[in-house]
Protein backbone atom coordinates (compact mmCIF):
# COMPACT_ATOMS: atom_id res chain seq x y z
CA MET A 1 111.69 -81.98 -54.02
CA PRO A 2 108.15 -83.12 -54.69
CA GLU A 3 107.09 -86.67 -55.19
CA SER A 4 106.19 -86.23 -58.43
CA GLN A 5 109.09 -84.73 -59.45
CA LYS A 6 111.41 -87.41 -58.05
CA ALA A 7 108.85 -90.02 -59.60
CA ALA A 8 108.94 -88.45 -62.79
CA ASN A 9 110.13 -90.35 -65.58
CA LYS A 10 109.91 -88.31 -68.34
CA LEU A 11 112.12 -85.50 -70.49
CA TYR A 12 110.72 -82.32 -71.23
CA LEU A 13 112.72 -79.62 -73.41
CA PHE A 14 111.26 -75.95 -72.57
CA SER A 15 109.25 -76.64 -75.94
CA GLY A 16 107.44 -79.56 -74.22
CA ASN A 17 109.19 -82.34 -77.00
CA LEU A 18 109.53 -85.21 -75.29
CA ILE A 19 113.45 -86.62 -75.79
CA SER A 20 113.55 -89.88 -73.37
CA LYS A 21 111.83 -91.83 -70.19
CA THR A 22 114.98 -91.62 -68.45
CA TYR A 23 115.04 -87.89 -66.79
CA LYS A 24 113.00 -85.18 -65.89
CA MET A 25 113.53 -81.30 -67.16
CA TYR A 26 112.13 -79.49 -64.10
CA SER A 27 109.87 -76.15 -64.61
CA LYS A 28 111.32 -72.77 -65.92
CA SER A 29 110.10 -71.67 -62.64
CA GLU A 30 112.29 -74.67 -60.49
CA LEU A 31 115.37 -74.27 -62.74
CA ILE A 32 118.77 -73.75 -60.48
CA PHE A 33 120.52 -71.94 -62.75
CA CYS A 34 124.15 -72.88 -63.74
CA PRO A 35 126.02 -70.54 -66.33
CA ALA A 36 129.21 -71.39 -67.47
CA ILE A 37 128.47 -75.29 -65.82
CA LEU A 38 128.79 -77.52 -68.60
CA PHE A 39 129.48 -81.70 -67.29
CA ILE A 40 127.43 -84.83 -66.34
CA SER A 41 127.39 -85.70 -63.24
CA LYS A 42 125.64 -88.51 -61.28
CA TYR A 43 122.60 -87.27 -60.72
CA ALA A 44 121.73 -84.40 -63.30
CA LEU A 45 123.40 -83.10 -66.61
CA PHE A 46 124.10 -79.54 -66.48
CA PHE A 47 124.07 -77.11 -68.63
CA GLU A 48 124.21 -73.66 -69.56
CA GLY A 49 120.62 -72.42 -68.19
CA GLY A 50 119.63 -75.29 -66.03
CA PHE A 51 119.86 -79.17 -65.43
CA ILE A 52 118.19 -82.00 -66.04
CA ILE A 53 117.34 -84.06 -63.23
CA LYS A 54 117.99 -88.74 -64.21
CA ASN A 55 116.41 -91.78 -62.10
CA GLU A 56 120.05 -92.88 -60.31
CA LYS A 57 118.66 -96.53 -60.72
CA ASP A 58 119.21 -96.21 -64.60
CA VAL A 59 122.99 -95.05 -63.88
CA ARG A 60 126.06 -97.92 -63.65
CA LYS A 61 128.99 -97.06 -61.54
CA VAL A 62 132.85 -97.65 -62.05
CA THR A 63 135.59 -96.96 -58.85
CA PHE A 64 138.83 -96.37 -59.60
CA VAL A 65 141.18 -97.51 -57.23
CA ILE A 66 144.62 -95.39 -57.80
CA GLY A 67 147.68 -95.05 -56.07
CA THR A 68 151.47 -96.87 -55.78
CA ALA A 69 152.82 -100.25 -55.50
CA ALA A 70 151.97 -100.53 -52.03
CA SER A 71 149.61 -98.09 -51.49
CA GLY A 72 146.69 -100.56 -50.24
CA LYS A 73 145.06 -100.48 -53.25
CA THR A 74 144.26 -104.21 -53.49
CA TYR A 75 143.88 -105.20 -50.16
CA PHE A 76 141.24 -101.75 -49.87
CA ILE A 77 139.66 -103.59 -52.56
CA ASN A 78 139.55 -107.16 -50.64
CA GLN A 79 138.10 -104.89 -47.64
CA ASN A 80 135.37 -102.88 -49.60
CA TYR A 81 134.15 -104.43 -52.67
CA VAL A 82 134.89 -108.43 -53.13
CA GLY A 83 131.54 -110.19 -52.04
CA LYS A 84 129.78 -107.57 -53.33
CA ASP A 85 127.63 -107.19 -56.60
CA VAL A 86 130.27 -105.64 -58.83
CA ASP A 87 133.03 -107.31 -61.58
CA ILE A 88 136.72 -106.13 -60.22
CA LEU A 89 138.98 -105.36 -62.93
CA ASP A 90 143.15 -105.10 -62.25
CA VAL A 91 144.95 -103.24 -65.07
CA PHE A 92 148.05 -105.42 -63.75
CA ASP A 93 146.71 -108.05 -65.47
CA TYR A 94 146.41 -106.13 -68.56
CA GLN A 95 149.88 -105.58 -68.57
CA LYS A 96 150.92 -109.11 -67.80
CA ARG A 97 149.68 -110.08 -70.75
CA GLU A 98 150.75 -107.84 -72.87
CA TYR A 99 154.30 -108.19 -71.42
CA ASP A 100 153.90 -111.83 -72.24
CA LYS A 101 152.31 -111.43 -76.07
CA ALA A 102 155.66 -108.84 -76.26
CA LYS A 103 158.09 -111.09 -74.85
CA ILE A 104 159.34 -107.90 -72.51
CA LYS A 105 161.71 -109.27 -70.03
CA ASN A 106 164.48 -106.99 -68.45
CA SER A 107 165.97 -104.57 -70.74
CA VAL A 108 164.11 -103.96 -73.72
CA PRO A 109 163.56 -100.35 -76.20
CA ALA A 110 161.41 -98.42 -73.41
CA GLY A 111 159.28 -97.45 -77.00
CA SER A 112 157.86 -101.81 -76.77
CA VAL A 113 157.06 -100.90 -73.19
CA PHE A 114 155.01 -97.65 -73.93
CA ARG A 115 153.18 -99.57 -76.85
CA SER A 116 152.49 -102.31 -74.28
CA LEU A 117 150.90 -100.66 -71.37
CA LEU A 118 148.95 -98.65 -74.19
CA LYS A 119 148.08 -101.52 -75.02
CA ALA A 120 147.39 -103.14 -72.38
CA GLN A 121 144.72 -99.46 -70.91
CA ASN A 122 143.11 -99.61 -74.14
CA ASP A 123 142.18 -103.11 -73.53
CA LEU A 124 141.41 -102.82 -69.57
CA LEU A 125 138.79 -99.23 -70.82
CA ASP A 126 137.42 -101.26 -73.48
CA ASP A 127 136.00 -104.06 -70.82
CA ILE A 128 135.60 -101.58 -68.39
CA ILE A 129 132.91 -100.20 -71.05
CA GLU A 130 131.68 -103.72 -71.75
CA ARG A 131 130.67 -104.43 -68.07
CA LEU A 132 128.97 -101.01 -68.34
CA ARG A 133 127.19 -101.17 -71.01
CA SER A 134 125.91 -104.50 -69.35
CA GLY A 135 124.25 -102.97 -66.53
CA ARG A 136 127.09 -104.03 -64.31
CA ASP A 137 129.17 -101.92 -61.56
CA VAL A 138 132.80 -102.21 -62.31
CA VAL A 139 135.70 -101.57 -59.73
CA VAL A 140 139.48 -101.00 -61.67
CA GLU A 141 142.46 -101.16 -59.85
CA GLN A 142 144.59 -98.71 -61.77
CA THR A 143 148.15 -96.31 -61.96
CA LEU A 144 146.10 -93.74 -63.72
CA PHE A 145 149.11 -90.97 -62.12
CA LYS A 146 148.16 -88.00 -64.89
CA ALA A 147 145.67 -86.08 -65.88
CA LYS A 148 146.03 -86.40 -69.14
CA ARG A 149 145.71 -90.41 -68.67
CA ARG A 150 142.28 -89.86 -66.04
CA VAL A 151 140.92 -87.35 -69.17
CA ALA A 152 140.74 -90.60 -72.30
CA TYR A 153 139.80 -92.32 -69.61
CA ILE A 154 136.33 -90.06 -68.42
CA ASP A 155 135.94 -89.33 -71.56
CA LYS A 156 135.54 -92.50 -73.70
CA ILE A 157 133.21 -93.73 -70.91
CA ARG A 158 130.82 -91.05 -70.29
CA GLU A 159 130.68 -90.87 -74.75
CA ALA A 160 129.97 -94.39 -74.35
CA VAL A 161 128.16 -95.44 -71.19
CA ASP A 162 125.71 -93.28 -68.30
CA ALA A 163 127.66 -93.79 -65.48
CA SER A 164 128.93 -92.48 -62.31
CA ILE A 165 132.35 -92.34 -61.72
CA GLU A 166 134.64 -92.00 -58.66
CA VAL A 167 137.94 -92.53 -57.53
CA TYR A 168 140.15 -93.53 -54.22
CA VAL A 169 143.63 -92.08 -54.26
CA MET A 170 145.95 -94.16 -52.10
CA ARG A 171 148.51 -91.98 -49.69
CA PRO A 172 149.88 -94.54 -47.08
CA SER A 173 151.82 -92.98 -43.87
CA ASP A 174 155.62 -93.64 -44.37
CA ASP A 175 154.74 -95.96 -41.36
CA ARG A 176 152.10 -97.97 -42.91
CA LEU A 177 153.98 -97.62 -46.79
CA ARG A 178 156.69 -99.21 -44.94
CA LYS A 179 154.74 -102.48 -43.44
CA ASN A 180 153.49 -103.08 -46.88
CA ILE A 181 157.07 -102.96 -48.50
CA GLU A 182 158.23 -105.52 -45.89
CA GLU A 183 154.81 -107.81 -45.88
CA ARG A 184 155.03 -107.92 -49.54
CA GLU A 185 158.54 -107.79 -49.32
CA ILE A 186 158.64 -105.67 -52.89
CA ASP A 187 162.54 -105.51 -54.62
CA ARG A 188 161.34 -101.37 -53.79
CA THR A 189 162.79 -98.79 -50.90
CA LEU A 190 160.13 -96.20 -48.91
CA GLU A 191 162.15 -93.64 -51.02
CA THR A 192 160.97 -95.15 -54.60
CA LEU A 193 157.65 -95.68 -53.65
CA LYS A 194 157.52 -91.51 -52.05
CA GLN A 195 158.96 -90.69 -54.93
CA TYR A 196 156.49 -92.19 -57.11
CA ALA A 197 154.06 -90.92 -55.46
CA ASP A 198 155.04 -87.52 -55.80
CA GLU A 199 154.48 -87.85 -59.55
CA ILE A 200 150.49 -88.61 -58.86
CA GLU A 201 148.56 -85.82 -60.08
CA PHE A 202 145.71 -85.68 -57.97
CA PRO A 203 142.27 -86.17 -59.59
CA ASN A 204 140.86 -82.87 -60.08
CA PRO A 205 136.65 -82.22 -60.39
CA ALA A 206 136.82 -80.51 -64.02
CA GLU A 207 138.81 -84.13 -65.31
CA GLY A 208 134.75 -85.54 -64.72
CA PHE A 209 135.34 -87.38 -61.45
CA ASP A 210 131.77 -87.85 -60.07
CA LYS A 211 133.47 -88.41 -56.07
CA ILE A 212 136.65 -88.05 -55.31
CA TYR A 213 138.61 -89.79 -52.14
CA GLU A 214 141.81 -89.47 -50.25
CA VAL A 215 142.20 -92.94 -48.37
CA ARG A 216 145.25 -92.66 -46.03
CA ASP A 217 145.84 -95.87 -43.40
CA GLY A 218 142.55 -96.81 -43.91
CA VAL A 219 140.54 -93.34 -43.38
CA ILE A 220 138.65 -92.67 -45.96
CA THR A 221 137.94 -88.34 -46.73
CA PRO A 222 136.24 -86.31 -49.75
CA ARG A 223 138.02 -84.32 -51.54
CA MET A 224 136.57 -82.74 -54.50
CA ASP A 225 139.52 -79.72 -55.08
CA GLU A 226 138.37 -76.17 -56.59
CA PRO A 227 137.76 -76.85 -60.51
CA ARG A 228 140.85 -76.59 -62.73
CA PRO A 229 139.26 -76.56 -66.29
CA GLU A 230 142.79 -75.72 -67.96
CA ILE A 231 143.66 -79.38 -66.42
CA VAL A 232 141.61 -81.34 -68.95
CA ASP A 233 142.75 -78.68 -72.12
CA GLU A 234 146.39 -79.72 -70.76
CA ALA A 235 145.13 -82.74 -71.38
CA ARG A 236 143.77 -83.22 -74.12
CA GLU A 237 146.32 -81.49 -75.78
CA GLU A 238 149.22 -83.89 -74.40
CA LEU A 239 146.64 -86.98 -76.13
CA VAL A 240 146.36 -85.14 -79.08
CA ASP A 241 150.40 -84.76 -79.75
CA GLU A 242 150.81 -88.15 -77.83
CA ALA A 243 148.42 -89.34 -80.59
CA ALA A 244 150.38 -87.16 -83.44
CA ARG A 245 153.23 -88.90 -82.86
CA ILE A 246 152.74 -93.02 -82.73
CA GLN A 247 150.45 -92.21 -86.24
CA ALA A 248 154.17 -91.21 -87.17
CA GLU A 249 155.75 -94.07 -85.33
CA ASP A 250 153.25 -96.38 -87.13
CA ASP A 251 153.77 -94.62 -90.30
CA GLU A 252 157.72 -94.51 -90.13
CA LYS A 253 157.62 -98.26 -89.28
CA ARG A 254 155.49 -99.04 -91.93
CA LYS A 255 157.39 -97.81 -94.79
CA ARG A 256 160.18 -99.03 -93.02
CA GLN A 257 158.55 -102.95 -93.57
CA GLU A 258 157.76 -101.88 -96.72
CA LEU A 259 161.19 -100.90 -97.64
CA LEU A 260 162.31 -104.44 -96.39
CA GLU A 261 160.21 -106.62 -98.69
CA SER A 262 161.45 -104.47 -101.48
CA MET A 263 164.88 -105.64 -101.16
CA ASN A 264 164.11 -108.89 -102.18
CA THR A 265 163.25 -108.54 -105.81
CA ARG A 266 164.82 -105.06 -106.80
CA PRO A 267 168.25 -104.31 -107.11
CA PHE A 268 170.89 -103.01 -105.01
CA TRP A 269 174.58 -101.98 -104.26
CA HIS A 270 176.91 -104.75 -103.24
CA TYR A 271 179.66 -104.06 -101.40
CA CYS A 272 182.65 -107.47 -101.05
CA GLU A 273 185.01 -105.86 -98.07
CA VAL A 274 187.05 -107.43 -98.35
CA CYS A 275 188.47 -106.90 -102.16
CA GLY A 276 186.41 -103.85 -102.87
CA LYS A 277 184.02 -105.57 -105.08
CA LYS A 278 181.03 -103.69 -105.99
CA GLU A 279 178.16 -104.71 -108.00
CA TYR A 280 174.57 -103.68 -107.99
CA LEU A 281 172.40 -106.94 -108.69
CA THR A 282 169.42 -108.04 -106.57
CA ALA A 283 169.04 -110.56 -104.66
CA GLN A 284 168.86 -113.45 -106.28
CA GLU A 285 171.12 -112.72 -108.60
CA ALA A 286 174.13 -111.99 -105.52
CA PHE A 287 172.86 -115.38 -103.94
CA GLU A 288 173.27 -116.92 -107.55
CA GLY A 289 176.86 -115.04 -107.83
CA GLY A 290 177.78 -116.84 -104.17
CA TRP A 291 177.50 -112.89 -102.58
CA ASP A 292 177.45 -113.49 -98.26
CA TYR A 293 174.59 -110.71 -98.18
CA PRO A 294 171.38 -109.59 -96.69
CA PRO A 295 168.94 -111.05 -97.16
CA ASN A 296 169.73 -113.82 -98.33
CA MET A 297 172.20 -116.68 -95.80
CA SER A 298 172.33 -115.74 -92.34
CA CYS A 299 172.89 -112.39 -92.69
CA VAL A 300 170.17 -109.63 -91.42
CA PHE A 301 169.59 -105.82 -92.59
CA GLY A 302 171.94 -103.49 -90.36
CA VAL A 303 172.82 -106.50 -88.23
CA LEU A 304 177.03 -106.73 -88.39
CA GLY A 305 177.61 -110.20 -90.29
CA PRO A 306 179.54 -110.65 -93.05
CA ARG A 307 179.39 -108.55 -96.49
CA THR A 308 181.19 -110.78 -98.99
CA CYS A 309 181.48 -112.00 -102.77
CA GLY A 310 181.46 -114.94 -104.28
CA ASP A 311 185.73 -114.84 -104.39
CA CYS A 312 186.02 -114.04 -100.90
CA THR A 313 186.03 -115.68 -97.26
CA LEU A 314 185.40 -114.44 -93.41
CA VAL A 315 188.91 -114.08 -92.99
CA GLY A 316 189.07 -109.83 -94.22
CA THR A 317 185.96 -109.35 -92.37
CA LEU A 318 185.34 -106.59 -90.02
CA TYR A 319 182.54 -109.35 -88.62
CA LEU A 320 185.30 -111.79 -87.91
CA LYS A 321 187.65 -109.23 -86.26
CA VAL A 322 185.38 -108.67 -83.43
CA MET A 323 183.87 -112.08 -82.92
CA THR A 324 187.74 -113.19 -82.23
CA SER A 325 188.61 -109.96 -80.33
CA HIS A 326 186.07 -109.25 -77.56
CA LYS A 327 183.82 -111.41 -75.38
CA PRO A 328 180.91 -110.71 -75.52
CA PRO A 329 181.56 -109.65 -79.53
CA ILE A 330 181.08 -105.51 -79.35
CA VAL A 331 182.42 -103.16 -82.26
CA VAL A 332 184.16 -100.64 -81.01
CA GLU A 333 184.51 -97.49 -83.25
CA SER A 334 188.15 -96.15 -81.98
CA GLU A 335 189.54 -99.94 -83.12
CA LEU A 336 188.39 -99.34 -86.57
CA THR A 337 190.73 -99.02 -89.47
CA PRO A 338 189.67 -96.04 -91.89
CA LYS A 339 188.30 -99.15 -93.97
CA GLU A 340 186.75 -101.65 -91.21
CA LEU A 341 184.79 -98.25 -89.89
CA GLU A 342 183.42 -97.05 -93.69
CA THR A 343 182.21 -100.69 -93.65
CA TRP A 344 180.71 -101.18 -90.14
CA ARG A 345 178.61 -97.35 -91.07
CA ARG A 346 177.31 -99.23 -94.23
CA ILE A 347 175.77 -102.38 -92.31
CA LYS A 348 173.93 -99.85 -89.18
CA GLY A 349 172.57 -97.93 -92.55
CA GLU A 350 171.09 -101.03 -94.32
CA PRO A 351 169.47 -100.81 -96.94
CA GLU A 352 168.98 -97.34 -97.37
CA SER A 353 172.31 -97.11 -97.15
CA LEU A 354 172.69 -99.72 -100.46
CA LEU A 355 170.31 -97.47 -102.19
CA ASP A 356 172.61 -94.80 -103.68
């Protein structure tokens, strides 16, 4: 390439119109034609009919290091990037922060974990983009097992900033993985971690990576497989479906919250499980009448508790029976009478079961 072209810092269309001071468009005679190729790499913007050469000094870099637990991600980053002029981010720091916010311990609904993980991923992505925009190179310890997560990241980064994107996939041998498990005293077996490793969809150039490497026991090998555009199409379809599902869940949660709030003022049916009385009252009217019923008193909609009028006590309630017959207290439907089963199913269906 002539030195005059290397030093060029302007971008021209074929018409000769100035567009930017970051690129130099080759003349028609110098273009390398690449029909049907449409992607951005570290050094060039490829399009149908030619490409634009970019000044390397203007390009920031983000490096992802991915793999299972004990695969050597942290060690690799420490050996290759600590002490260098880069910002190092770790997805596990973001996940821990979200787990702490949600007070997630050992036993929580799967949906809560998913939301926390997704929030952590999005927060990390925002920080990556912010660092790149400020002119920093970024190294990220990540999981990103699935193509759809990587595509989501790359799409957002490409939209926001001009950056080179590379990935190192940690794939240790069984011996190295076993040693890592022992040295780190990880409470997982070799077989379990190998199963996790099998779940990794190896990155493909079509996802938008400029460089892809495989790391096995310290040996780094470039690996740019044959591009598979269908991976990206499938990933984006999955992301659209996921976004629609999340939106539907959010809408349902919002509607339920609105319903629960409305129960403070709207009238609804109150059933006394002891004497069988049934009255259509607001929560305030029920409270003034002595009812032990949600949302007042100690009761919560949908949770086992006494449902009695002002004339009855706990004696004869399903709540008392369960609390005194099982340790820990648990409802066993096969042990309930028809009347108790009716009460239990009505409680489980609250507040909707109290509106008809």
